[in-house]
C-alpha cells in the first residue's frame, strides 16, 4: 500500500512539474489558438535558425536571451504564448521561465521539426 501511495505522489509531482513547463499542444490545436487571436507564436531558437524558416508571425526571442527580454513580451500577457523550438529541447525551460512570470504557456509538440513534418508553411526572413 505504501508503494502505491508513493507511485501516486510521484505521478502527481511529475504532472505538476510538466504543467509548469507549459502543456504540450499539437500543431492543429495551436493553429486554432492563433486563428482565434488567442495565441502568439514565441520561437526560442537562435536568430539564424529563425531566419532560415519560421512560422508566420512568430516572435523570435532566443532561449538564452529570454530572461532579459521578458519585458518585451508584456503586451502579450492576455494571450497564450505558444513556445516553439527545434525539437522540444528548450521549450520546457522557456515555459518554466514564462510561467513563473505569470504568462499562460503551451509548448508546440515536436517543435518546428514536427511543423515541417506535417508540411505546414514556414517563411524565411
PDB file of N, CA and C in Angstrom:
ATOM      1  N   UNK A   1       0.825  -1.188   0.000  1.00  0.00           N
ATOM      2  CA  UNK A   1       0.000   0.000   0.000  1.00  0.00           C
ATOM      3  C   UNK A   1       0.874   1.259   0.000  1.00  0.00           C
ATOM      4  N   UNK A   2       1.939   1.230   0.780  1.00  0.00           N
ATOM      5  CA  UNK A   2       2.850   2.375   0.840  1.00  0.00           C
ATOM      6  C   UNK A   2       3.482   2.641  -0.525  1.00  0.00           C
ATOM      7  N   UNK A   3       3.801   1.572  -1.228  1.00  0.00           N
ATOM      8  CA  UNK A   3       4.385   1.713  -2.565  1.00  0.00           C
ATOM      9  C   UNK A   3       3.373   2.364  -3.507  1.00  0.00           C
ATOM     10  N   UNK A   4       2.111   1.982  -3.400  1.00  0.00           N
ATOM     11  CA  UNK A   4       1.051   2.561  -4.232  1.00  0.00           C
ATOM     12  C   UNK A   4       0.910   4.062  -3.994  1.00  0.00           C
ATOM     13  N   UNK A   5       0.944   4.459  -2.732  1.00  0.00           N
ATOM     14  CA  UNK A   5       0.847   5.884  -2.388  1.00  0.00           C
ATOM     15  C   UNK A   5       2.054   6.637  -2.938  1.00  0.00           C
ATOM     16  N   UNK A   6       3.223   6.038  -2.811  1.00  0.00           N
ATOM     17  CA  UNK A   6       4.441   6.663  -3.324  1.00  0.00           C
ATOM     18  C   UNK A   6       4.365   6.847  -4.844  1.00  0.00           C
ATOM     19  N   UNK A   7       3.865   5.853  -5.554  1.00  0.00           N
ATOM     20  CA  UNK A   7       3.728   5.940  -7.013  1.00  0.00           C
ATOM     21  C   UNK A   7       2.771   7.069  -7.389  1.00  0.00           C
ATOM     22  N   UNK A   8       1.666   7.169  -6.679  1.00  0.00           N
ATOM     23  CA  UNK A   8       0.690   8.237  -6.946  1.00  0.00           C
ATOM     24  C   UNK A   8       1.316   9.604  -6.688  1.00  0.00           C
ATOM     25  N   UNK A   9       2.028   9.748  -5.596  1.00  0.00           N
ATOM     26  CA  UNK A   9       2.672  11.028  -5.283  1.00  0.00           C
ATOM     27  C   UNK A   9       3.712  11.416  -6.339  1.00  0.00           C
ATOM     28  N   UNK A  10       4.476  10.446  -6.794  1.00  0.00           N
ATOM     29  CA  UNK A  10       5.470  10.725  -7.845  1.00  0.00           C
ATOM     30  C   UNK A  10       4.763  11.154  -9.127  1.00  0.00           C
ATOM     31  N   UNK A  11       3.688  10.481  -9.465  1.00  0.00           N
ATOM     32  CA  UNK A  11       2.929  10.825 -10.670  1.00  0.00           C
ATOM     33  C   UNK A  11       2.362  12.243 -10.565  1.00  0.00           C
ATOM     34  N   UNK A  12       1.769  12.581  -9.430  1.00  0.00           N
ATOM     35  CA  UNK A  12       1.198  13.922  -9.228  1.00  0.00           C
ATOM     36  C   UNK A  12       2.299  14.980  -9.305  1.00  0.00           C
ATOM     37  N   UNK A  13       3.435  14.717  -8.686  1.00  0.00           N
ATOM     38  CA  UNK A  13       4.554  15.659  -8.733  1.00  0.00           C
ATOM     39  C   UNK A  13       5.037  15.852 -10.170  1.00  0.00           C
ATOM     40  N   UNK A  14       5.194  14.753 -10.908  1.00  0.00           N
ATOM     41  CA  UNK A  14       5.663  14.837 -12.300  1.00  0.00           C
ATOM     42  C   UNK A  14       4.659  15.600 -13.156  1.00  0.00           C
ATOM     43  N   UNK A  15       3.377  15.374 -12.937  1.00  0.00           N
ATOM     44  CA  UNK A  15       2.334  16.068 -13.699  1.00  0.00           C
ATOM     45  C   UNK A  15       2.367  17.569 -13.414  1.00  0.00           C
ATOM     46  N   UNK A  16       2.509  17.932 -12.149  1.00  0.00           N
ATOM     47  CA  UNK A  16       2.574  19.356 -11.795  1.00  0.00           C
ATOM     48  C   UNK A  16       3.798  20.022 -12.402  1.00  0.00           C
ATOM     49  N   UNK A  17       4.925  19.344 -12.390  1.00  0.00           N
ATOM     50  CA  UNK A  17       6.145  19.897 -12.987  1.00  0.00           C
ATOM     51  C   UNK A  17       5.971  20.070 -14.492  1.00  0.00           C
ATOM     52  N   UNK A  18       5.317  19.126 -15.112  1.00  0.00           N
ATOM     53  CA  UNK A  18       5.087  19.206 -16.557  1.00  0.00           C
ATOM     54  C   UNK A  18       4.218  20.414 -16.890  1.00  0.00           C
ATOM     55  N   UNK A  19       3.210  20.671 -16.079  1.00  0.00           N
ATOM     56  CA  UNK A  19       2.336  21.818 -16.317  1.00  0.00           C
ATOM     57  C   UNK A  19       3.081  23.139 -16.157  1.00  0.00           C
ATOM     58  N   UNK A  20       4.053  23.195 -15.276  1.00  0.00           N
ATOM     59  CA  UNK A  20       4.838  24.412 -15.091  1.00  0.00           C
ATOM     60  C   UNK A  20       5.606  24.768 -16.355  1.00  0.00           C
ATOM     61  N   UNK A  21       5.971  23.770 -17.132  1.00  0.00           N
ATOM     62  CA  UNK A  21       6.713  23.988 -18.374  1.00  0.00           C
ATOM     63  C   UNK A  21       5.807  24.481 -19.495  1.00  0.00           C
ATOM     64  N   UNK A  22       4.529  24.408 -19.303  1.00  0.00           N
ATOM     65  CA  UNK A  22       3.571  24.683 -20.366  1.00  0.00           C
ATOM     66  C   UNK A  22       3.129  23.359 -20.962  1.00  0.00           C
ATOM     67  N   UNK A  23       1.836  23.143 -21.007  1.00  0.00           N
ATOM     68  CA  UNK A  23       1.329  21.898 -21.561  1.00  0.00           C
ATOM     69  C   UNK A  23       1.665  21.793 -23.041  1.00  0.00           C
ATOM     70  N   UNK A  24       1.948  20.600 -23.493  1.00  0.00           N
ATOM     71  CA  UNK A  24       2.176  20.414 -24.932  1.00  0.00           C
ATOM     72  C   UNK A  24       0.897  20.721 -25.711  1.00  0.00           C
ATOM     73  N   UNK A  25       1.073  21.207 -26.923  1.00  0.00           N
ATOM     74  CA  UNK A  25      -0.066  21.499 -27.789  1.00  0.00           C
ATOM     75  C   UNK A  25       0.273  21.001 -29.185  1.00  0.00           C
ATOM     76  N   UNK A  26      -0.689  20.412 -29.856  1.00  0.00           N
ATOM     77  CA  UNK A  26      -0.462  19.907 -31.211  1.00  0.00           C
ATOM     78  C   UNK A  26      -0.472  21.063 -32.202  1.00  0.00           C
ATOM     79  N   UNK A  27      -0.001  20.782 -33.389  1.00  0.00           N
ATOM     80  CA  UNK A  27       0.016  21.818 -34.427  1.00  0.00           C
ATOM     81  C   UNK A  27      -1.401  22.287 -34.741  1.00  0.00           C
ATOM     82  N   UNK A  28      -2.351  21.374 -34.781  1.00  0.00           N
ATOM     83  CA  UNK A  28      -3.728  21.772 -35.110  1.00  0.00           C
ATOM     84  C   UNK A  28      -4.362  22.589 -33.989  1.00  0.00           C
ATOM     85  N   UNK A  29      -4.128  22.192 -32.738  1.00  0.00           N
ATOM     86  CA  UNK A  29      -4.660  22.977 -31.611  1.00  0.00           C
ATOM     87  C   UNK A  29      -4.031  24.371 -31.570  1.00  0.00           C
ATOM     88  N   UNK A  30      -2.738  24.437 -31.829  1.00  0.00           N
ATOM     89  CA  UNK A  30      -2.034  25.724 -31.819  1.00  0.00           C
ATOM     90  C   UNK A  30      -2.569  26.637 -32.914  1.00  0.00           C
ATOM     91  N   UNK A  31      -2.817  26.074 -34.082  1.00  0.00           N
ATOM     92  CA  UNK A  31      -3.335  26.863 -35.199  1.00  0.00           C
ATOM     93  C   UNK A  31      -4.699  27.451 -34.860  1.00  0.00           C
ATOM     94  N   UNK A  32      -5.515  26.687 -34.167  1.00  0.00           N
ATOM     95  CA  UNK A  32      -6.831  27.202 -33.745  1.00  0.00           C
ATOM     96  C   UNK A  32      -6.650  28.383 -32.803  1.00  0.00           C
ATOM     97  N   UNK A  33      -5.742  28.257 -31.832  1.00  0.00           N
ATOM     98  CA  UNK A  33      -5.487  29.369 -30.910  1.00  0.00           C
ATOM     99  C   UNK A  33      -5.043  30.621 -31.655  1.00  0.00           C
ATOM    100  N   UNK A  34      -4.155  30.445 -32.604  1.00  0.00           N
ATOM    101  CA  UNK A  34      -3.648  31.577 -33.376  1.00  0.00           C
ATOM    102  C   UNK A  34      -4.765  32.193 -34.216  1.00  0.00           C
ATOM    103  N   UNK A  35      -5.528  31.347 -34.889  1.00  0.00           N
ATOM    104  CA  UNK A  35      -6.585  31.849 -35.773  1.00  0.00           C
ATOM    105  C   UNK A  35      -7.713  32.544 -35.029  1.00  0.00           C
ATOM    106  N   UNK A  36      -7.874  32.245 -33.757  1.00  0.00           N
ATOM    107  CA  UNK A  36      -8.898  32.928 -32.957  1.00  0.00           C
ATOM    108  C   UNK A  36      -8.308  34.105 -32.193  1.00  0.00           C
ATOM    109  N   UNK A  37      -7.073  34.449 -32.522  1.00  0.00           N
ATOM    110  CA  UNK A  37      -6.362  35.580 -31.921  1.00  0.00           C
ATOM    111  C   UNK A  37      -6.172  35.410 -30.412  1.00  0.00           C
ATOM    112  N   UNK A  38      -6.098  34.154 -29.974  1.00  0.00           N
ATOM    113  CA  UNK A  38      -5.903  33.884 -28.552  1.00  0.00           C
ATOM    114  C   UNK A  38      -4.473  33.460 -28.241  1.00  0.00           C
ATOM    115  N   UNK A  39      -3.659  33.287 -29.275  1.00  0.00           N
ATOM    116  CA  UNK A  39      -2.295  32.816 -29.055  1.00  0.00           C
ATOM    117  C   UNK A  39      -1.279  33.599 -29.867  1.00  0.00           C
ATOM    118  N   UNK A  40      -0.034  33.510 -29.424  1.00  0.00           N
ATOM    119  CA  UNK A  40       1.110  34.143 -30.078  1.00  0.00           C
ATOM    120  C   UNK A  40       2.219  33.101 -30.174  1.00  0.00           C
ATOM    121  N   UNK A  41       2.831  32.989 -31.352  1.00  0.00           N
ATOM    122  CA  UNK A  41       3.978  32.099 -31.519  1.00  0.00           C
ATOM    123  C   UNK A  41       5.210  32.764 -30.914  1.00  0.00           C
ATOM    124  N   UNK A  42       5.907  32.077 -30.055  1.00  0.00           N
ATOM    125  CA  UNK A  42       7.169  32.551 -29.490  1.00  0.00           C
ATOM    126  C   UNK A  42       8.243  31.530 -29.835  1.00  0.00           C
ATOM    127  N   UNK A  43       9.070  31.877 -30.792  1.00  0.00           N
ATOM    128  CA  UNK A  43      10.126  30.985 -31.277  1.00  0.00           C
ATOM    129  C   UNK A  43      11.400  31.277 -30.487  1.00  0.00           C
ATOM    130  N   UNK A  44      11.886  30.290 -29.746  1.00  0.00           N
ATOM    131  CA  UNK A  44      13.049  30.486 -28.880  1.00  0.00           C
ATOM    132  C   UNK A  44      14.343  29.938 -29.496  1.00  0.00           C
ATOM    133  N   UNK A  45      14.321  29.677 -30.800  1.00  0.00           N
ATOM    134  CA  UNK A  45      15.548  29.243 -31.476  1.00  0.00           C
ATOM    135  C   UNK A  45      16.458  30.444 -31.700  1.00  0.00           C
ATOM    136  N   UNK A  46      17.703  30.179 -32.035  1.00  0.00           N
ATOM    137  CA  UNK A  46      18.665  31.241 -32.330  1.00  0.00           C
ATOM    138  C   UNK A  46      18.240  31.999 -33.577  1.00  0.00           C
ATOM    139  N   UNK A  47      18.698  33.241 -33.702  1.00  0.00           N
ATOM    140  CA  UNK A  47      18.302  34.107 -34.813  1.00  0.00           C
ATOM    141  C   UNK A  47      18.539  33.467 -36.179  1.00  0.00           C
ATOM    142  N   UNK A  48      19.672  32.832 -36.361  1.00  0.00           N
ATOM    143  CA  UNK A  48      19.991  32.208 -37.646  1.00  0.00           C
ATOM    144  C   UNK A  48      19.010  31.117 -38.020  1.00  0.00           C
ATOM    145  N   UNK A  49      18.669  30.274 -37.058  1.00  0.00           N
ATOM    146  CA  UNK A  49      17.685  29.213 -37.305  1.00  0.00           C
ATOM    147  C   UNK A  49      16.328  29.816 -37.639  1.00  0.00           C
ATOM    148  N   UNK A  50      15.969  30.849 -36.907  1.00  0.00           N
ATOM    149  CA  UNK A  50      14.693  31.532 -37.132  1.00  0.00           C
ATOM    150  C   UNK A  50      14.628  32.096 -38.549  1.00  0.00           C
ATOM    151  N   UNK A  51      15.694  32.750 -38.980  1.00  0.00           N
ATOM    152  CA  UNK A  51      15.723  33.364 -40.314  1.00  0.00           C
ATOM    153  C   UNK A  51      15.671  32.323 -41.437  1.00  0.00           C
ATOM    154  N   UNK A  52      16.147  31.124 -41.161  1.00  0.00           N
ATOM    155  CA  UNK A  52      16.118  30.054 -42.171  1.00  0.00           C
ATOM    156  C   UNK A  52      14.733  29.466 -42.364  1.00  0.00           C
ATOM    157  N   UNK A  53      13.812  29.760 -41.486  1.00  0.00           N
ATOM    158  CA  UNK A  53      12.438  29.291 -41.626  1.00  0.00           C
ATOM    159  C   UNK A  53      11.719  29.302 -40.298  1.00  0.00           C
ATOM    160  N   UNK A  54      10.601  30.037 -40.259  1.00  0.00           N
ATOM    161  CA  UNK A  54       9.803  30.111 -39.036  1.00  0.00           C
ATOM    162  C   UNK A  54       8.321  30.201 -39.367  1.00  0.00           C
ATOM    163  N   UNK A  55       7.507  30.010 -38.373  1.00  0.00           N
ATOM    164  CA  UNK A  55       6.061  30.090 -38.533  1.00  0.00           C
ATOM    165  C   UNK A  55       5.678  31.554 -38.738  1.00  0.00           C
ATOM    166  N   UNK A  56       4.735  31.778 -39.630  1.00  0.00           N
ATOM    167  CA  UNK A  56       4.271  33.132 -39.947  1.00  0.00           C
ATOM    168  C   UNK A  56       3.860  33.866 -38.661  1.00  0.00           C
ATOM    169  N   UNK A  57       4.318  35.107 -38.548  1.00  0.00           N
ATOM    170  CA  UNK A  57       4.005  35.995 -37.422  1.00  0.00           C
ATOM    171  C   UNK A  57       4.645  35.588 -36.090  1.00  0.00           C
ATOM    172  N   UNK A  58       5.568  34.646 -36.119  1.00  0.00           N
ATOM    173  CA  UNK A  58       6.249  34.254 -34.881  1.00  0.00           C
ATOM    174  C   UNK A  58       7.176  35.372 -34.411  1.00  0.00           C
ATOM    175  N   UNK A  59       7.294  35.488 -33.108  1.00  0.00           N
ATOM    176  CA  UNK A  59       8.225  36.422 -32.478  1.00  0.00           C
ATOM    177  C   UNK A  59       9.457  35.611 -32.102  1.00  0.00           C
ATOM    178  N   UNK A  60      10.627  36.142 -32.390  1.00  0.00           N
ATOM    179  CA  UNK A  60      11.853  35.423 -32.069  1.00  0.00           C
ATOM    180  C   UNK A  60      12.539  36.051 -30.859  1.00  0.00           C
ATOM    181  N   UNK A  61      12.616  35.277 -29.793  1.00  0.00           N
ATOM    182  CA  UNK A  61      13.401  35.638 -28.608  1.00  0.00           C
ATOM    183  C   UNK A  61      14.229  34.407 -28.286  1.00  0.00           C
ATOM    184  N   UNK A  62      15.508  34.414 -28.674  1.00  0.00           N
ATOM    185  CA  UNK A  62      16.340  33.238 -28.417  1.00  0.00           C
ATOM    186  C   UNK A  62      16.319  32.820 -26.945  1.00  0.00           C
ATOM    187  N   UNK A  63      16.326  31.535 -26.731  1.00  0.00           N
ATOM    188  CA  UNK A  63      16.240  30.971 -25.387  1.00  0.00           C
ATOM    189  C   UNK A  63      17.217  31.623 -24.415  1.00  0.00           C
ATOM    190  N   UNK A  64      18.452  31.816 -24.852  1.00  0.00           N
ATOM    191  CA  UNK A  64      19.476  32.402 -23.989  1.00  0.00           C
ATOM    192  C   UNK A  64      19.237  33.858 -23.621  1.00  0.00           C
ATOM    193  N   UNK A  65      18.346  34.530 -24.338  1.00  0.00           N
ATOM    194  CA  UNK A  65      18.057  35.947 -24.080  1.00  0.00           C
ATOM    195  C   UNK A  65      16.664  36.164 -23.506  1.00  0.00           C
ATOM    196  N   UNK A  66      15.962  35.090 -23.239  1.00  0.00           N
ATOM    197  CA  UNK A  66      14.572  35.198 -22.797  1.00  0.00           C
ATOM    198  C   UNK A  66      14.432  35.991 -21.501  1.00  0.00           C
ATOM    199  N   UNK A  67      15.250  35.686 -20.517  1.00  0.00           N
ATOM    200  CA  UNK A  67      15.139  36.360 -19.215  1.00  0.00           C
ATOM    201  C   UNK A  67      15.289  37.871 -19.345  1.00  0.00           C
ATOM    202  N   UNK A  68      16.220  38.311 -20.177  1.00  0.00           N
ATOM    203  CA  UNK A  68      16.456  39.753 -20.316  1.00  0.00           C
ATOM    204  C   UNK A  68      15.434  40.437 -21.222  1.00  0.00           C
ATOM    205  N   UNK A  69      14.640  39.662 -21.964  1.00  0.00           N
ATOM    206  CA  UNK A  69      13.660  40.258 -22.877  1.00  0.00           C
ATOM    207  C   UNK A  69      12.214  40.006 -22.462  1.00  0.00           C
ATOM    208  N   UNK A  70      12.003  39.567 -21.229  1.00  0.00           N
ATOM    209  CA  UNK A  70      10.643  39.305 -20.764  1.00  0.00           C
ATOM    210  C   UNK A  70       9.753  40.540 -20.833  1.00  0.00           C
ATOM    211  N   UNK A  71      10.320  41.709 -20.560  1.00  0.00           N
ATOM    212  CA  UNK A  71       9.517  42.937 -20.600  1.00  0.00           C
ATOM    213  C   UNK A  71       8.905  43.171 -21.974  1.00  0.00           C
ATOM    214  N   UNK A  72       9.610  42.778 -23.030  1.00  0.00           N
ATOM    215  CA  UNK A  72       9.087  42.988 -24.383  1.00  0.00           C
ATOM    216  C   UNK A  72       7.874  42.108 -24.676  1.00  0.00           C
ATOM    217  N   UNK A  73       7.645  41.091 -23.847  1.00  0.00           N
ATOM    218  CA  UNK A  73       6.506  40.188 -24.040  1.00  0.00           C
ATOM    219  C   UNK A  73       5.277  40.594 -23.229  1.00  0.00           C
ATOM    220  N   UNK A  74       5.411  41.603 -22.390  1.00  0.00           N
ATOM    221  CA  UNK A  74       4.302  42.029 -21.525  1.00  0.00           C
ATOM    222  C   UNK A  74       3.018  42.323 -22.297  1.00  0.00           C
ATOM    223  N   UNK A  75       3.142  42.875 -23.494  1.00  0.00           N
ATOM    224  CA  UNK A  75       1.954  43.227 -24.277  1.00  0.00           C
ATOM    225  C   UNK A  75       1.153  41.995 -24.714  1.00  0.00           C
ATOM    226  N   UNK A  76       1.740  40.806 -24.558  1.00  0.00           N
ATOM    227  CA  UNK A  76       1.066  39.564 -24.931  1.00  0.00           C
ATOM    228  C   UNK A  76       0.555  38.785 -23.720  1.00  0.00           C
ATOM    229  N   UNK A  77       0.554  39.400 -22.568  1.00  0.00           N
ATOM    230  CA  UNK A  77       0.184  38.707 -21.333  1.00  0.00           C
ATOM    231  C   UNK A  77      -1.239  38.128 -21.383  1.00  0.00           C
ATOM    232  N   UNK A  78      -2.125  38.766 -22.123  1.00  0.00           N
ATOM    233  CA  UNK A  78      -3.509  38.294 -22.191  1.00  0.00           C
ATOM    234  C   UNK A  78      -3.706  37.164 -23.202  1.00  0.00           C
ATOM    235  N   UNK A  79      -2.635  36.748 -23.857  1.00  0.00           N
ATOM    236  CA  UNK A  79      -2.699  35.681 -24.851  1.00  0.00           C
ATOM    237  C   UNK A  79      -1.920  34.463 -24.356  1.00  0.00           C
ATOM    238  N   UNK A  80      -2.134  33.352 -25.011  1.00  0.00           N
ATOM    239  CA  UNK A  80      -1.350  32.150 -24.730  1.00  0.00           C
ATOM    240  C   UNK A  80      -0.089  32.193 -25.574  1.00  0.00           C
ATOM    241  N   UNK A  81       1.063  32.109 -24.933  1.00  0.00           N
ATOM    242  CA  UNK A  81       2.331  32.054 -25.659  1.00  0.00           C
ATOM    243  C   UNK A  81       2.593  30.598 -26.040  1.00  0.00           C
ATOM    244  N   UNK A  82       2.691  30.352 -27.332  1.00  0.00           N
ATOM    245  CA  UNK A  82       2.975  29.001 -27.819  1.00  0.00           C
ATOM    246  C   UNK A  82       4.466  28.953 -28.138  1.00  0.00           C
ATOM    247  N   UNK A  83       5.206  28.287 -27.286  1.00  0.00           N
ATOM    248  CA  UNK A  83       6.672  28.249 -27.393  1.00  0.00           C
ATOM    249  C   UNK A  83       7.086  27.207 -28.424  1.00  0.00           C
ATOM    250  N   UNK A  84       7.930  27.659 -29.345  1.00  0.00           N
ATOM    251  CA  UNK A  84       8.420  26.814 -30.428  1.00  0.00           C
ATOM    252  C   UNK A  84       9.946  26.762 -30.348  1.00  0.00           C
ATOM    253  N   UNK A  85      10.500  25.594 -30.446  1.00  0.00           N
ATOM    254  CA  UNK A  85      11.939  25.441 -30.588  1.00  0.00           C
ATOM    255  C   UNK A  85      12.185  24.406 -31.676  1.00  0.00           C
ATOM    256  N   UNK A  86      13.393  23.897 -31.751  1.00  0.00           N
ATOM    257  CA  UNK A  86      13.686  22.969 -32.842  1.00  0.00           C
ATOM    258  C   UNK A  86      12.952  21.637 -32.669  1.00  0.00           C
ATOM    259  N   UNK A  87      13.158  20.984 -31.527  1.00  0.00           N
ATOM    260  CA  UNK A  87      12.544  19.677 -31.310  1.00  0.00           C
ATOM    261  C   UNK A  87      12.035  19.501 -29.881  1.00  0.00           C
ATOM    262  N   UNK A  88      11.982  20.546 -29.109  1.00  0.00           N
ATOM    263  CA  UNK A  88      11.496  20.442 -27.742  1.00  0.00           C
ATOM    264  C   UNK A  88      12.569  20.588 -26.688  1.00  0.00           C
ATOM    265  N   UNK A  89      13.807  20.796 -27.077  1.00  0.00           N
ATOM    266  CA  UNK A  89      14.898  20.811 -26.116  1.00  0.00           C
ATOM    267  C   UNK A  89      14.917  22.049 -25.228  1.00  0.00           C
ATOM    268  N   UNK A  90      14.397  23.177 -25.673  1.00  0.00           N
ATOM    269  CA  UNK A  90      14.422  24.397 -24.861  1.00  0.00           C
ATOM    270  C   UNK A  90      13.025  24.891 -24.468  1.00  0.00           C
ATOM    271  N   UNK A  91      12.008  24.347 -25.066  1.00  0.00           N
ATOM    272  CA  UNK A  91      10.652  24.828 -24.809  1.00  0.00           C
ATOM    273  C   UNK A  91      10.244  24.664 -23.347  1.00  0.00           C
ATOM    274  N   UNK A  92      10.649  23.575 -22.723  1.00  0.00           N
ATOM    275  CA  UNK A  92      10.287  23.341 -21.324  1.00  0.00           C
ATOM    276  C   UNK A  92      10.863  24.381 -20.389  1.00  0.00           C
ATOM    277  N   UNK A  93      12.151  24.673 -20.537  1.00  0.00           N
ATOM    278  CA  UNK A  93      12.756  25.661 -19.640  1.00  0.00           C
ATOM    279  C   UNK A  93      12.239  27.063 -19.950  1.00  0.00           C
ATOM    280  N   UNK A  94      11.979  27.355 -21.224  1.00  0.00           N
ATOM    281  CA  UNK A  94      11.382  28.646 -21.570  1.00  0.00           C
ATOM    282  C   UNK A  94       9.991  28.744 -20.960  1.00  0.00           C
ATOM    283  N   UNK A  95       9.243  27.663 -21.038  1.00  0.00           N
ATOM    284  CA  UNK A  95       7.908  27.633 -20.442  1.00  0.00           C
ATOM    285  C   UNK A  95       7.943  27.866 -18.943  1.00  0.00           C
ATOM    286  N   UNK A  96       8.934  27.268 -18.271  1.00  0.00           N
ATOM    287  CA  UNK A  96       9.070  27.478 -16.821  1.00  0.00           C
ATOM    288  C   UNK A  96       9.336  28.945 -16.511  1.00  0.00           C
ATOM    289  N   UNK A  97      10.247  29.570 -17.262  1.00  0.00           N
ATOM    290  CA  UNK A  97      10.566  30.986 -17.028  1.00  0.00           C
ATOM    291  C   UNK A  97       9.328  31.852 -17.229  1.00  0.00           C
ATOM    292  N   UNK A  98       8.614  31.599 -18.311  1.00  0.00           N
ATOM    293  CA  UNK A  98       7.429  32.401 -18.621  1.00  0.00           C
ATOM    294  C   UNK A  98       6.307  32.138 -17.625  1.00  0.00           C
ATOM    295  N   UNK A  99       6.101  30.880 -17.289  1.00  0.00           N
ATOM    296  CA  UNK A  99       5.064  30.527 -16.318  1.00  0.00           C
ATOM    297  C   UNK A  99       5.323  31.144 -14.959  1.00  0.00           C
ATOM    298  N   UNK A 100       6.583  31.192 -14.555  1.00  0.00           N
ATOM    299  CA  UNK A 100       6.949  31.792 -13.266  1.00  0.00           C
ATOM    300  C   UNK A 100       6.633  33.283 -13.239  1.00  0.00           C
ATOM    301  N   UNK A 101       6.580  33.907 -14.409  1.00  0.00           N
ATOM    302  CA  UNK A 101       6.268  35.337 -14.505  1.00  0.00           C
ATOM    303  C   UNK A 101       4.786  35.577 -14.775  1.00  0.00           C
ATOM    304  N   UNK A 102       3.989  34.511 -14.735  1.00  0.00           N
ATOM    305  CA  UNK A 102       2.545  34.663 -14.847  1.00  0.00           C
ATOM    306  C   UNK A 102       1.964  34.571 -16.244  1.00  0.00           C
ATOM    307  N   UNK A 103       2.774  34.194 -17.231  1.00  0.00           N
ATOM    308  CA  UNK A 103       2.262  34.041 -18.594  1.00  0.00           C
ATOM    309  C   UNK A 103       1.563  32.692 -18.730  1.00  0.00           C
ATOM    310  N   UNK A 104       0.581  32.643 -19.627  1.00  0.00           N
ATOM    311  CA  UNK A 104      -0.047  31.382 -19.992  1.00  0.00           C
ATOM    312  C   UNK A 104       0.782  30.804 -21.130  1.00  0.00           C
ATOM    313  N   UNK A 105       1.242  29.577 -20.954  1.00  0.00           N
ATOM    314  CA  UNK A 105       2.213  28.998 -21.880  1.00  0.00           C
ATOM    315  C   UNK A 105       1.775  27.620 -22.335  1.00  0.00           C
ATOM    316  N   UNK A 106       1.995  27.338 -23.619  1.00  0.00           N
ATOM    317  CA  UNK A 106       1.876  25.995 -24.176  1.00  0.00           C
ATOM    318  C   UNK A 106       3.143  25.744 -24.986  1.00  0.00           C
ATOM    319  N   UNK A 107       3.524  24.493 -25.146  1.00  0.00           N
ATOM    320  CA  UNK A 107       4.712  24.115 -25.920  1.00  0.00           C
ATOM    321  C   UNK A 107       4.279  23.359 -27.166  1.00  0.00           C
ATOM    322  N   UNK A 108       4.765  23.781 -28.322  1.00  0.00           N
ATOM    323  CA  UNK A 108       4.428  23.075 -29.555  1.00  0.00           C
ATOM    324  C   UNK A 108       5.069  21.687 -29.524  1.00  0.00           C
ATOM    325  N   UNK A 109       4.235  20.669 -29.529  1.00  0.00           N
ATOM    326  CA  UNK A 109       4.734  19.281 -29.505  1.00  0.00           C
ATOM    327  C   UNK A 109       5.613  19.015 -30.716  1.00  0.00           C
ATOM    328  N   UNK A 110       6.840  18.571 -30.462  1.00  0.00           N
ATOM    329  CA  UNK A 110       7.761  18.236 -31.541  1.00  0.00           C
ATOM    330  C   UNK A 110       8.474  19.425 -32.148  1.00  0.00           C
ATOM    331  N   UNK A 111       8.136  20.621 -31.691  1.00  0.00           N
ATOM    332  CA  UNK A 111       8.806  21.825 -32.168  1.00  0.00           C
ATOM    333  C   UNK A 111       8.624  22.080 -33.654  1.00  0.00           C
ATOM    334  N   UNK A 112       9.516  22.884 -34.189  1.00  0.00           N
ATOM    335  CA  UNK A 112       9.448  23.252 -35.605  1.00  0.00           C
ATOM    336  C   UNK A 112       9.650  22.025 -36.498  1.00  0.00           C
ATOM    337  N   UNK A 113      10.347  21.021 -35.987  1.00  0.00           N
ATOM    338  CA  UNK A 113      10.553  19.784 -36.758  1.00  0.00           C
ATOM    339  C   UNK A 113       9.215  19.108 -37.050  1.00  0.00           C
ATOM    340  N   UNK A 114       8.347  19.046 -36.057  1.00  0.00           N
ATOM    341  CA  UNK A 114       7.025  18.443 -36.257  1.00  0.00           C
ATOM    342  C   UNK A 114       6.189  19.289 -37.221  1.00  0.00           C
ATOM    343  N   UNK A 115       6.297  20.602 -37.099  1.00  0.00           N
ATOM    344  CA  UNK A 115       5.595  21.517 -38.006  1.00  0.00           C
ATOM    345  C   UNK A 115       6.002  21.212 -39.455  1.00  0.00           C
ATOM    346  N   UNK A 116       7.300  21.069 -39.674  1.00  0.00           N
ATOM    347  CA  UNK A 116       7.807  20.764 -41.013  1.00  0.00           C
ATOM    348  C   UNK A 116       7.391  19.368 -41.471  1.00  0.00           C
ATOM    349  N   UNK A 117       7.407  18.406 -40.559  1.00  0.00           N
ATOM    350  CA  UNK A 117       6.997  17.037 -40.905  1.00  0.00           C
ATOM    351  C   UNK A 117       5.558  16.984 -41.400  1.00  0.00           C
ATOM    352  N   UNK A 118       4.756  17.923 -40.936  1.00  0.00           N
ATOM    353  CA  UNK A 118       3.358  17.969 -41.359  1.00  0.00           C
ATOM    354  C   UNK A 118       3.164  18.869 -42.580  1.00  0.00           C
ATOM    355  N   UNK A 119       4.283  19.273 -43.188  1.00  0.00           N
ATOM    356  CA  UNK A 119       4.263  20.119 -44.382  1.00  0.00           C
ATOM    357  C   UNK A 119       3.485  21.412 -44.192  1.00  0.00           C
ATOM    358  N   UNK A 120       3.611  21.990 -43.006  1.00  0.00           N
ATOM    359  CA  UNK A 120       2.966  23.274 -42.724  1.00  0.00           C
ATOM    360  C   UNK A 120       3.904  24.396 -43.146  1.00  0.00           C
ATOM    361  N   UNK A 121       3.353  25.559 -43.470  1.00  0.00           N
ATOM    362  CA  UNK A 121       4.181  26.617 -44.074  1.00  0.00           C
ATOM    363  C   UNK A 121       5.158  27.289 -43.116  1.00  0.00           C
ATOM    364  N   UNK A 122       6.305  27.631 -43.669  1.00  0.00           N
ATOM    365  CA  UNK A 122       7.317  28.419 -42.983  1.00  0.00           C
ATOM    366  C   UNK A 122       7.651  29.616 -43.869  1.00  0.00           C
ATOM    367  N   UNK A 123       8.076  30.690 -43.252  1.00  0.00           N
ATOM    368  CA  UNK A 123       8.553  31.848 -44.007  1.00  0.00           C
ATOM    369  C   UNK A 123      10.012  32.067 -43.666  1.00  0.00           C
ATOM    370  N   UNK A 124      10.732  32.667 -44.603  1.00  0.00           N
ATOM    371  CA  UNK A 124      12.148  32.974 -44.379  1.00  0.00           C
ATOM    372  C   UNK A 124      12.303  34.480 -44.348  1.00  0.00           C
ATOM    373  N   UNK A 125      13.189  34.926 -43.482  1.00  0.00           N
ATOM    374  CA  UNK A 125      13.417  36.355 -43.305  1.00  0.00           C
ATOM    375  C   UNK A 125      14.881  36.622 -43.156  1.00  0.00           C
TER     376      UNK A 125
END
